[in-house]
């Protein structure tokens, strides 16, 4: 499958990198500190959403700000040794001009920056939770990325591993490519599905990026 685009927009965790072990460790510790159970987490949508929204679903409003700061602190402290680039990530990004791609993450800029730096990824354009008022599945993060890159949203391709992110990409009018790194293919609604970015290659031209997805 071939796709022609002006820009590629990548989710971070589960798409470019894996921080799953770190995330599980930190949220388990955080949940214990705040007296929350697995049942509390089971009733809300988790993956692909900003921590502030998850915390707001779990705790009273007067505890949210402090609790969000706490989980961010735990996760930033746990980055060293807890984050790795997923297969194909570095090779694909190295083939792209810096102005042709962006990272669009539900993490805060501080946490996203720490994780990306640990994995050796340094995007010129990063859209983080601090930059938006409505997180995925709302299209705002991806639309803001297109605006920052100066491209038509319809000429962007979104790479995502989470249903919330894919919903956001579709709502933004973008082509969506799902990765089966954290969810089964049948759980993901997208224009195309790959296992990892190792199945994606790109060739930049003067006017666009030609993307090829392995069969």
C-alpha atoms as a PDB file:
ATOM      1  CA  UNK A   1       0.000   0.000   0.000  1.00  0.00           C
ATOM      2  CA  UNK A   2       1.287   3.460  -0.908  1.00  0.00           C
ATOM      3  CA  UNK A   3       0.199   6.791   0.586  1.00  0.00           C
ATOM      4  CA  UNK A   4       1.255  10.284  -0.487  1.00  0.00           C
ATOM      5  CA  UNK A   5       1.258  12.895   2.270  1.00  0.00           C
ATOM      6  CA  UNK A   6       2.672  16.259   3.257  1.00  0.00           C
ATOM      7  CA  UNK A   7       3.336  15.292   6.888  1.00  0.00           C
ATOM      8  CA  UNK A   8       3.431  12.287   9.212  1.00  0.00           C
ATOM      9  CA  UNK A   9       2.037  12.637  12.737  1.00  0.00           C
ATOM     10  CA  UNK A  10       3.139  10.080  15.311  1.00  0.00           C
ATOM     11  CA  UNK A  11       1.724   9.206  18.675  1.00  0.00           C
ATOM     12  CA  UNK A  12       4.566   8.502  21.101  1.00  0.00           C
ATOM     13  CA  UNK A  13       3.963   5.726  23.634  1.00  0.00           C
ATOM     14  CA  UNK A  14       3.077   2.492  21.885  1.00  0.00           C
ATOM     15  CA  UNK A  15       3.875   3.952  18.464  1.00  0.00           C
ATOM     16  CA  UNK A  16       7.421   5.338  18.507  1.00  0.00           C
ATOM     17  CA  UNK A  17       8.523   4.022  21.880  1.00  0.00           C
ATOM     18  CA  UNK A  18       7.561   1.528  24.546  1.00  0.00           C
ATOM     19  CA  UNK A  19       7.379   2.674  28.142  1.00  0.00           C
ATOM     20  CA  UNK A  20       4.788   0.087  29.158  1.00  0.00           C
ATOM     21  CA  UNK A  21       6.746  -1.420  32.035  1.00  0.00           C
ATOM     22  CA  UNK A  22       7.511   2.026  33.420  1.00  0.00           C
ATOM     23  CA  UNK A  23       3.900   3.160  33.018  1.00  0.00           C
ATOM     24  CA  UNK A  24       2.550   0.081  34.783  1.00  0.00           C
ATOM     25  CA  UNK A  25       5.027   0.457  37.643  1.00  0.00           C
ATOM     26  CA  UNK A  26       4.311   4.130  38.170  1.00  0.00           C
ATOM     27  CA  UNK A  27       0.526   3.973  37.920  1.00  0.00           C
ATOM     28  CA  UNK A  28       0.410   0.951  40.251  1.00  0.00           C
ATOM     29  CA  UNK A  29       2.403   2.892  42.838  1.00  0.00           C
ATOM     30  CA  UNK A  30       0.271   5.992  42.283  1.00  0.00           C
ATOM     31  CA  UNK A  31      -2.972   4.010  42.631  1.00  0.00           C
ATOM     32  CA  UNK A  32      -1.800   2.502  45.907  1.00  0.00           C
ATOM     33  CA  UNK A  33      -0.924   5.950  47.261  1.00  0.00           C
ATOM     34  CA  UNK A  34      -4.401   7.244  46.393  1.00  0.00           C
ATOM     35  CA  UNK A  35      -6.326   4.171  47.527  1.00  0.00           C
ATOM     36  CA  UNK A  36      -7.579   3.155  44.079  1.00  0.00           C
ATOM     37  CA  UNK A  37      -8.292  -0.391  42.888  1.00  0.00           C
ATOM     38  CA  UNK A  38      -8.225  -2.234  39.567  1.00  0.00           C
ATOM     39  CA  UNK A  39     -12.011  -1.914  39.501  1.00  0.00           C
ATOM     40  CA  UNK A  40     -11.709   1.873  39.625  1.00  0.00           C
ATOM     41  CA  UNK A  41      -9.461   1.831  36.549  1.00  0.00           C
ATOM     42  CA  UNK A  42     -11.614  -0.723  34.736  1.00  0.00           C
ATOM     43  CA  UNK A  43     -14.558   1.653  34.512  1.00  0.00           C
ATOM     44  CA  UNK A  44     -12.755   4.354  32.518  1.00  0.00           C
ATOM     45  CA  UNK A  45     -10.867   4.638  29.233  1.00  0.00           C
ATOM     46  CA  UNK A  46      -7.134   4.729  29.854  1.00  0.00           C
ATOM     47  CA  UNK A  47      -4.742   4.294  26.931  1.00  0.00           C
ATOM     48  CA  UNK A  48      -4.089   7.278  24.706  1.00  0.00           C
ATOM     49  CA  UNK A  49      -5.669   9.876  27.005  1.00  0.00           C
ATOM     50  CA  UNK A  50      -3.931  12.670  28.958  1.00  0.00           C
ATOM     51  CA  UNK A  51      -3.120  11.802  32.563  1.00  0.00           C
ATOM     52  CA  UNK A  52      -5.059  14.855  33.740  1.00  0.00           C
ATOM     53  CA  UNK A  53      -8.258  13.485  32.189  1.00  0.00           C
ATOM     54  CA  UNK A  54      -7.693  10.013  33.634  1.00  0.00           C
ATOM     55  CA  UNK A  55      -7.048  11.430  37.106  1.00  0.00           C
ATOM     56  CA  UNK A  56     -10.135  13.650  36.842  1.00  0.00           C
ATOM     57  CA  UNK A  57     -12.212  10.533  36.167  1.00  0.00           C
ATOM     58  CA  UNK A  58     -10.809   8.807  39.242  1.00  0.00           C
ATOM     59  CA  UNK A  59     -10.550  11.462  41.962  1.00  0.00           C
ATOM     60  CA  UNK A  60     -12.546  14.411  43.356  1.00  0.00           C
ATOM     61  CA  UNK A  61     -11.842  17.725  41.626  1.00  0.00           C
ATOM     62  CA  UNK A  62     -10.010  19.204  44.622  1.00  0.00           C
ATOM     63  CA  UNK A  63      -7.380  16.431  44.491  1.00  0.00           C
ATOM     64  CA  UNK A  64      -6.735  16.376  40.745  1.00  0.00           C
ATOM     65  CA  UNK A  65      -3.968  18.988  40.425  1.00  0.00           C
ATOM     66  CA  UNK A  66      -1.832  17.457  43.167  1.00  0.00           C
ATOM     67  CA  UNK A  67      -2.438  13.908  41.902  1.00  0.00           C
ATOM     68  CA  UNK A  68      -1.520  14.830  38.302  1.00  0.00           C
ATOM     69  CA  UNK A  69       1.723  16.402  39.506  1.00  0.00           C
ATOM     70  CA  UNK A  70       2.470  13.252  41.492  1.00  0.00           C
ATOM     71  CA  UNK A  71       2.045  10.804  38.598  1.00  0.00           C
ATOM     72  CA  UNK A  72       4.114  13.044  36.322  1.00  0.00           C
ATOM     73  CA  UNK A  73       6.904  13.110  38.916  1.00  0.00           C
ATOM     74  CA  UNK A  74       6.837   9.319  39.300  1.00  0.00           C
ATOM     75  CA  UNK A  75       6.950   8.736  35.540  1.00  0.00           C
ATOM     76  CA  UNK A  76       9.735  11.233  34.852  1.00  0.00           C
ATOM     77  CA  UNK A  77      11.820   9.709  37.647  1.00  0.00           C
ATOM     78  CA  UNK A  78      11.295   6.240  36.134  1.00  0.00           C
ATOM     79  CA  UNK A  79      12.321   7.109  32.557  1.00  0.00           C
ATOM     80  CA  UNK A  80      15.971   6.024  32.774  1.00  0.00           C
ATOM     81  CA  UNK A  81      16.160   2.430  31.592  1.00  0.00           C
ATOM     82  CA  UNK A  82      12.387   2.199  31.274  1.00  0.00           C
ATOM     83  CA  UNK A  83      11.945   3.472  27.695  1.00  0.00           C
ATOM     84  CA  UNK A  84      13.030   1.943  24.370  1.00  0.00           C
ATOM     85  CA  UNK A  85      12.404   2.834  20.730  1.00  0.00           C
ATOM     86  CA  UNK A  86      10.083   0.345  19.049  1.00  0.00           C
ATOM     87  CA  UNK A  87      11.235  -1.584  15.928  1.00  0.00           C
ATOM     88  CA  UNK A  88      11.550   0.592  12.849  1.00  0.00           C
ATOM     89  CA  UNK A  89      11.137   3.891  14.682  1.00  0.00           C
ATOM     90  CA  UNK A  90      14.622   5.347  14.390  1.00  0.00           C
ATOM     91  CA  UNK A  91      15.156   4.254  10.786  1.00  0.00           C
ATOM     92  CA  UNK A  92      11.845   5.757   9.651  1.00  0.00           C
ATOM     93  CA  UNK A  93      12.350   9.070  11.448  1.00  0.00           C
ATOM     94  CA  UNK A  94      15.893   9.382  10.112  1.00  0.00           C
ATOM     95  CA  UNK A  95      14.505   9.115   6.565  1.00  0.00           C
ATOM     96  CA  UNK A  96      12.193  12.106   7.077  1.00  0.00           C
ATOM     97  CA  UNK A  97      12.996  15.831   6.890  1.00  0.00           C
ATOM     98  CA  UNK A  98      12.445  17.429  10.301  1.00  0.00           C
ATOM     99  CA  UNK A  99       9.700  19.710   8.967  1.00  0.00           C
ATOM    100  CA  UNK A 100       7.696  16.750   7.604  1.00  0.00           C
ATOM    101  CA  UNK A 101       6.823  15.033  10.895  1.00  0.00           C
ATOM    102  CA  UNK A 102       5.665  15.703  14.429  1.00  0.00           C
ATOM    103  CA  UNK A 103       5.067  13.822  17.657  1.00  0.00           C
ATOM    104  CA  UNK A 104       1.545  14.210  19.030  1.00  0.00           C
ATOM    105  CA  UNK A 105       1.303  12.799  22.546  1.00  0.00           C
ATOM    106  CA  UNK A 106      -1.128  12.781  25.444  1.00  0.00           C
ATOM    107  CA  UNK A 107       1.790  13.082  27.880  1.00  0.00           C
ATOM    108  CA  UNK A 108       2.940  16.409  29.285  1.00  0.00           C
ATOM    109  CA  UNK A 109       5.799  18.156  27.527  1.00  0.00           C
ATOM    110  CA  UNK A 110       8.138  17.417  30.441  1.00  0.00           C
ATOM    111  CA  UNK A 111       7.366  13.696  30.452  1.00  0.00           C
ATOM    112  CA  UNK A 112       7.251  13.342  26.670  1.00  0.00           C
ATOM    113  CA  UNK A 113      10.579  15.149  26.336  1.00  0.00           C
ATOM    114  CA  UNK A 114      12.215  12.882  28.898  1.00  0.00           C
ATOM    115  CA  UNK A 115      10.942   9.725  27.204  1.00  0.00           C
ATOM    116  CA  UNK A 116      11.863  10.858  23.688  1.00  0.00           C
ATOM    117  CA  UNK A 117      15.338  11.907  24.814  1.00  0.00           C
ATOM    118  CA  UNK A 118      15.877   8.524  26.491  1.00  0.00           C
ATOM    119  CA  UNK A 119      14.999   6.800  23.199  1.00  0.00           C
ATOM    120  CA  UNK A 120      17.210   9.131  21.135  1.00  0.00           C
ATOM    121  CA  UNK A 121      14.329  10.900  19.371  1.00  0.00           C
ATOM    122  CA  UNK A 122      14.387  14.695  19.050  1.00  0.00           C
ATOM    123  CA  UNK A 123      11.417  16.047  17.083  1.00  0.00           C
ATOM    124  CA  UNK A 124      11.406  19.590  15.775  1.00  0.00           C
ATOM    125  CA  UNK A 125       7.636  19.719  16.409  1.00  0.00           C
ATOM    126  CA  UNK A 126       6.068  18.242  19.550  1.00  0.00           C
ATOM    127  CA  UNK A 127       2.418  18.611  20.543  1.00  0.00           C
ATOM    128  CA  UNK A 128       1.903  17.637  24.190  1.00  0.00           C
ATOM    129  CA  UNK A 129      -0.893  17.783  26.752  1.00  0.00           C
ATOM    130  CA  UNK A 130       0.261  21.265  27.801  1.00  0.00           C
ATOM    131  CA  UNK A 131      -0.520  22.626  24.331  1.00  0.00           C
ATOM    132  CA  UNK A 132      -4.186  21.676  24.107  1.00  0.00           C
ATOM    133  CA  UNK A 133      -7.491  22.103  25.906  1.00  0.00           C
ATOM    134  CA  UNK A 134      -9.069  18.844  24.684  1.00  0.00           C
ATOM    135  CA  UNK A 135      -7.100  15.610  24.394  1.00  0.00           C
ATOM    136  CA  UNK A 136      -7.599  12.575  22.198  1.00  0.00           C
ATOM    137  CA  UNK A 137     -10.162  11.333  21.076  1.00  0.00           C
ATOM    138  CA  UNK A 138     -10.825  15.009  20.269  1.00  0.00           C
ATOM    139  CA  UNK A 139      -9.057  16.015  17.016  1.00  0.00           C
ATOM    140  CA  UNK A 140      -7.506  19.163  18.532  1.00  0.00           C
ATOM    141  CA  UNK A 141      -3.978  17.702  19.073  1.00  0.00           C
ATOM    142  CA  UNK A 142      -3.634  16.533  15.475  1.00  0.00           C
ATOM    143  CA  UNK A 143      -5.157  19.680  14.000  1.00  0.00           C
ATOM    144  CA  UNK A 144      -2.707  21.763  16.024  1.00  0.00           C
ATOM    145  CA  UNK A 145       0.187  19.657  14.726  1.00  0.00           C
ATOM    146  CA  UNK A 146      -0.923  20.232  11.130  1.00  0.00           C
ATOM    147  CA  UNK A 147      -1.171  23.961  11.808  1.00  0.00           C
ATOM    148  CA  UNK A 148       2.314  24.092  13.355  1.00  0.00           C
ATOM    149  CA  UNK A 149       3.730  22.236  10.349  1.00  0.00           C
ATOM    150  CA  UNK A 150       1.822  24.479   7.949  1.00  0.00           C
ATOM    151  CA  UNK A 151       0.060  21.651   6.106  1.00  0.00           C
ATOM    152  CA  UNK A 152      -3.515  20.756   5.187  1.00  0.00           C
ATOM    153  CA  UNK A 153      -4.930  18.227   7.722  1.00  0.00           C
ATOM    154  CA  UNK A 154      -6.260  16.162   4.826  1.00  0.00           C
ATOM    155  CA  UNK A 155      -2.638  15.721   3.667  1.00  0.00           C
ATOM    156  CA  UNK A 156      -1.478  14.246   6.987  1.00  0.00           C
ATOM    157  CA  UNK A 157      -1.075  10.609   7.997  1.00  0.00           C
ATOM    158  CA  UNK A 158      -1.585   9.673  11.649  1.00  0.00           C
ATOM    159  CA  UNK A 159       0.270   6.704  13.165  1.00  0.00           C
ATOM    160  CA  UNK A 160      -1.419   5.482  16.350  1.00  0.00           C
ATOM    161  CA  UNK A 161      -1.702   2.386  18.541  1.00  0.00           C
ATOM    162  CA  UNK A 162      -4.750   3.426  20.590  1.00  0.00           C
ATOM    163  CA  UNK A 163      -8.443   3.641  19.663  1.00  0.00           C
ATOM    164  CA  UNK A 164      -8.679   7.130  21.177  1.00  0.00           C
ATOM    165  CA  UNK A 165      -5.862   8.396  18.971  1.00  0.00           C
ATOM    166  CA  UNK A 166      -7.285   6.809  15.841  1.00  0.00           C
ATOM    167  CA  UNK A 167     -10.659   8.376  16.583  1.00  0.00           C
ATOM    168  CA  UNK A 168      -8.921  11.749  16.903  1.00  0.00           C
ATOM    169  CA  UNK A 169      -7.091  11.263  13.611  1.00  0.00           C
ATOM    170  CA  UNK A 170     -10.267  10.369  11.740  1.00  0.00           C
ATOM    171  CA  UNK A 171     -12.106  13.325  13.275  1.00  0.00           C
ATOM    172  CA  UNK A 172      -9.288  15.571  12.038  1.00  0.00           C
ATOM    173  CA  UNK A 173      -9.895  14.311   8.488  1.00  0.00           C
ATOM    174  CA  UNK A 174      -6.538  12.539   8.288  1.00  0.00           C
ATOM    175  CA  UNK A 175      -5.454   9.164   6.935  1.00  0.00           C
ATOM    176  CA  UNK A 176      -4.915   6.753   9.826  1.00  0.00           C
ATOM    177  CA  UNK A 177      -2.440   3.894  10.214  1.00  0.00           C
ATOM    178  CA  UNK A 178      -2.859   1.652  13.263  1.00  0.00           C
ATOM    179  CA  UNK A 179      -0.063  -0.256  14.982  1.00  0.00           C
ATOM    180  CA  UNK A 180      -0.853  -3.491  16.817  1.00  0.00           C
ATOM    181  CA  UNK A 181       1.687  -2.866  19.569  1.00  0.00           C
ATOM    182  CA  UNK A 182      -0.840  -2.488  22.408  1.00  0.00           C
ATOM    183  CA  UNK A 183      -4.187  -3.578  20.896  1.00  0.00           C
ATOM    184  CA  UNK A 184      -5.386  -6.360  18.612  1.00  0.00           C
ATOM    185  CA  UNK A 185      -6.079  -5.453  14.989  1.00  0.00           C
ATOM    186  CA  UNK A 186      -9.815  -6.057  15.428  1.00  0.00           C
ATOM    187  CA  UNK A 187      -9.890  -3.387  18.147  1.00  0.00           C
ATOM    188  CA  UNK A 188      -8.440  -0.743  15.827  1.00  0.00           C
ATOM    189  CA  UNK A 189     -10.382   1.158  13.164  1.00  0.00           C
ATOM    190  CA  UNK A 190      -7.961   2.643  10.625  1.00  0.00           C
ATOM    191  CA  UNK A 191      -7.247   3.006   6.923  1.00  0.00           C
ATOM    192  CA  UNK A 192      -4.346   0.570   7.283  1.00  0.00           C
ATOM    193  CA  UNK A 193      -2.881  -1.657  10.004  1.00  0.00           C
ATOM    194  CA  UNK A 194       0.768  -2.637  10.582  1.00  0.00           C
ATOM    195  CA  UNK A 195       2.498  -4.425  13.427  1.00  0.00           C
ATOM    196  CA  UNK A 196       5.254  -1.837  13.972  1.00  0.00           C
ATOM    197  CA  UNK A 197       6.943   0.976  12.071  1.00  0.00           C
ATOM    198  CA  UNK A 198       9.401  -1.578  10.706  1.00  0.00           C
ATOM    199  CA  UNK A 199       6.688  -2.233   8.086  1.00  0.00           C
ATOM    200  CA  UNK A 200       6.682   1.438   7.036  1.00  0.00           C
ATOM    201  CA  UNK A 201       9.167   3.168   4.746  1.00  0.00           C
ATOM    202  CA  UNK A 202       9.146   6.720   3.409  1.00  0.00           C
ATOM    203  CA  UNK A 203      10.785   8.680   0.610  1.00  0.00           C
ATOM    204  CA  UNK A 204      10.707  12.458   0.801  1.00  0.00           C
ATOM    205  CA  UNK A 205      10.451  14.495  -2.392  1.00  0.00           C
ATOM    206  CA  UNK A 206      10.496  18.250  -2.886  1.00  0.00           C
ATOM    207  CA  UNK A 207       6.724  18.436  -2.503  1.00  0.00           C
ATOM    208  CA  UNK A 208       5.572  15.412  -0.471  1.00  0.00           C
ATOM    209  CA  UNK A 209       6.424  12.163   1.302  1.00  0.00           C
ATOM    210  CA  UNK A 210       5.783   8.844  -0.405  1.00  0.00           C
ATOM    211  CA  UNK A 211       4.900   6.260   2.247  1.00  0.00           C
ATOM    212  CA  UNK A 212       4.996   2.518   1.596  1.00  0.00           C
ATOM    213  CA  UNK A 213       3.357  -0.016   3.928  1.00  0.00           C
ATOM    214  CA  UNK A 214       4.636  -3.579   3.717  1.00  0.00           C
ATOM    215  CA  UNK A 215       1.938  -6.128   2.784  1.00  0.00           C
END
